[in-house]
């Protein structure tokens, strides 16, 4: 797996998979999705706490 960032968009990440490891692709994507959701929830909770003050 390697990541590539387009020059004109720093928010985008293109992930390239080794075709020989294709069977692990969905497992890896599920893991990445879980991590992103946790970080989003943490940020959302922090922002909600700030807004309630």
N, C-alpha and C. Protein backbone atom coordinates (compact mmCIF):
# COMPACT_ATOMS: atom_id res chain seq x y z
N UNK A 1 0.85 -1.17 0.00
CA UNK A 1 0.00 0.00 0.00
C UNK A 1 0.90 1.23 0.00
N UNK A 2 0.57 2.17 -0.85
CA UNK A 2 1.24 3.46 -0.76
C UNK A 2 0.25 4.57 -1.07
N UNK A 3 0.50 5.74 -0.49
CA UNK A 3 -0.40 6.88 -0.63
C UNK A 3 0.19 7.88 -1.61
N UNK A 4 -0.72 8.55 -2.28
CA UNK A 4 -0.34 9.60 -3.22
C UNK A 4 -1.25 10.79 -2.97
N UNK A 5 -0.69 11.97 -2.92
CA UNK A 5 -1.48 13.19 -2.77
C UNK A 5 -1.38 14.01 -4.06
N UNK A 6 -2.53 14.35 -4.62
CA UNK A 6 -2.49 15.22 -5.79
C UNK A 6 -1.86 16.57 -5.43
N UNK A 7 -1.14 17.13 -6.33
CA UNK A 7 -0.43 18.39 -6.09
C UNK A 7 -1.40 19.54 -5.80
N UNK A 8 -2.53 19.55 -6.47
CA UNK A 8 -3.45 20.67 -6.36
C UNK A 8 -4.53 20.50 -5.28
N UNK A 9 -4.51 19.40 -4.52
CA UNK A 9 -5.53 19.19 -3.49
C UNK A 9 -4.94 18.43 -2.32
N UNK A 10 -4.55 19.17 -1.28
CA UNK A 10 -3.89 18.52 -0.14
C UNK A 10 -4.86 17.72 0.72
N UNK A 11 -6.17 17.88 0.51
CA UNK A 11 -7.15 17.13 1.30
C UNK A 11 -7.36 15.72 0.78
N UNK A 12 -6.97 15.46 -0.44
CA UNK A 12 -7.22 14.17 -1.08
C UNK A 12 -6.02 13.25 -0.94
N UNK A 13 -6.30 11.99 -0.65
CA UNK A 13 -5.26 10.98 -0.61
C UNK A 13 -5.72 9.81 -1.48
N UNK A 14 -4.89 9.41 -2.41
CA UNK A 14 -5.18 8.26 -3.26
C UNK A 14 -4.38 7.10 -2.70
N UNK A 15 -5.06 6.01 -2.41
CA UNK A 15 -4.39 4.84 -1.85
C UNK A 15 -4.28 3.78 -2.93
N UNK A 16 -3.07 3.33 -3.17
CA UNK A 16 -2.82 2.28 -4.16
C UNK A 16 -2.54 0.97 -3.44
N UNK A 17 -3.16 -0.09 -3.92
CA UNK A 17 -2.99 -1.41 -3.31
C UNK A 17 -2.16 -2.31 -4.20
N UNK A 18 -1.38 -3.13 -3.57
CA UNK A 18 -0.66 -4.18 -4.28
C UNK A 18 -1.68 -5.24 -4.68
N UNK A 19 -1.80 -5.52 -5.96
CA UNK A 19 -2.80 -6.47 -6.45
C UNK A 19 -2.61 -7.86 -5.86
N UNK A 20 -1.40 -8.21 -5.51
CA UNK A 20 -1.14 -9.51 -4.90
C UNK A 20 -1.75 -9.61 -3.50
N UNK A 21 -1.99 -8.49 -2.88
CA UNK A 21 -2.57 -8.45 -1.53
C UNK A 21 -4.03 -8.03 -1.55
N UNK A 22 -4.68 -8.19 -2.67
CA UNK A 22 -6.05 -7.73 -2.85
C UNK A 22 -7.01 -8.33 -1.82
N UNK A 23 -6.76 -9.54 -1.36
CA UNK A 23 -7.67 -10.17 -0.40
C UNK A 23 -7.70 -9.43 0.95
N UNK A 24 -6.67 -8.64 1.24
CA UNK A 24 -6.63 -7.88 2.49
C UNK A 24 -7.21 -6.47 2.33
N UNK A 25 -7.58 -6.13 1.14
CA UNK A 25 -8.03 -4.76 0.83
C UNK A 25 -9.22 -4.33 1.69
N UNK A 26 -10.27 -5.13 1.71
CA UNK A 26 -11.47 -4.75 2.47
C UNK A 26 -11.19 -4.67 3.96
N UNK A 27 -10.38 -5.57 4.46
CA UNK A 27 -10.01 -5.54 5.87
C UNK A 27 -9.29 -4.24 6.20
N UNK A 28 -8.38 -3.83 5.35
CA UNK A 28 -7.64 -2.59 5.56
C UNK A 28 -8.58 -1.38 5.47
N UNK A 29 -9.46 -1.37 4.49
CA UNK A 29 -10.39 -0.26 4.35
C UNK A 29 -11.32 -0.15 5.56
N UNK A 30 -11.78 -1.29 6.08
CA UNK A 30 -12.61 -1.28 7.28
C UNK A 30 -11.85 -0.69 8.47
N UNK A 31 -10.59 -1.07 8.59
CA UNK A 31 -9.75 -0.55 9.68
C UNK A 31 -9.60 0.97 9.55
N UNK A 32 -9.29 1.44 8.36
CA UNK A 32 -9.11 2.88 8.12
C UNK A 32 -10.40 3.63 8.43
N UNK A 33 -11.53 3.07 7.99
CA UNK A 33 -12.83 3.70 8.23
C UNK A 33 -13.12 3.82 9.72
N UNK A 34 -12.83 2.78 10.46
CA UNK A 34 -13.04 2.78 11.91
C UNK A 34 -12.21 3.86 12.59
N UNK A 35 -10.96 3.97 12.20
CA UNK A 35 -10.08 4.98 12.80
C UNK A 35 -10.58 6.40 12.49
N UNK A 36 -10.99 6.62 11.25
CA UNK A 36 -11.49 7.94 10.86
C UNK A 36 -12.75 8.28 11.64
N UNK A 37 -13.66 7.32 11.80
CA UNK A 37 -14.89 7.57 12.56
C UNK A 37 -14.59 7.92 14.01
N UNK A 38 -13.64 7.23 14.61
CA UNK A 38 -13.26 7.53 16.00
C UNK A 38 -12.72 8.94 16.13
N UNK A 39 -11.87 9.32 15.21
CA UNK A 39 -11.30 10.68 15.25
C UNK A 39 -12.38 11.73 15.04
N UNK A 40 -13.31 11.45 14.13
CA UNK A 40 -14.42 12.37 13.87
C UNK A 40 -15.28 12.52 15.12
N UNK A 41 -15.62 11.40 15.75
CA UNK A 41 -16.46 11.44 16.95
C UNK A 41 -15.77 12.21 18.07
N UNK A 42 -14.48 12.01 18.23
CA UNK A 42 -13.73 12.74 19.25
C UNK A 42 -13.75 14.24 18.98
N UNK A 43 -13.52 14.61 17.75
CA UNK A 43 -13.55 16.02 17.37
C UNK A 43 -14.95 16.61 17.56
N UNK A 44 -15.95 15.87 17.16
CA UNK A 44 -17.34 16.32 17.30
C UNK A 44 -17.69 16.53 18.78
N UNK A 45 -17.28 15.59 19.63
CA UNK A 45 -17.55 15.74 21.07
C UNK A 45 -16.83 16.96 21.64
N UNK A 46 -15.62 17.18 21.23
CA UNK A 46 -14.87 18.35 21.70
C UNK A 46 -15.54 19.65 21.27
N UNK A 47 -15.96 19.69 20.03
CA UNK A 47 -16.64 20.90 19.53
C UNK A 47 -17.97 21.13 20.24
N UNK A 48 -18.71 20.06 20.49
CA UNK A 48 -19.97 20.19 21.21
C UNK A 48 -19.74 20.69 22.63
N UNK A 49 -18.69 20.21 23.26
CA UNK A 49 -18.36 20.69 24.61
C UNK A 49 -18.02 22.17 24.60
N UNK A 50 -17.28 22.59 23.62
CA UNK A 50 -16.93 24.01 23.50
C UNK A 50 -18.16 24.87 23.26
N UNK A 51 -19.06 24.38 22.45
CA UNK A 51 -20.26 25.16 22.12
C UNK A 51 -21.22 25.27 23.30
N UNK A 52 -21.17 24.33 24.21
CA UNK A 52 -22.10 24.36 25.34
C UNK A 52 -21.61 25.26 26.48
N UNK A 53 -20.40 25.76 26.37
CA UNK A 53 -19.85 26.63 27.42
C UNK A 53 -20.41 28.02 27.31
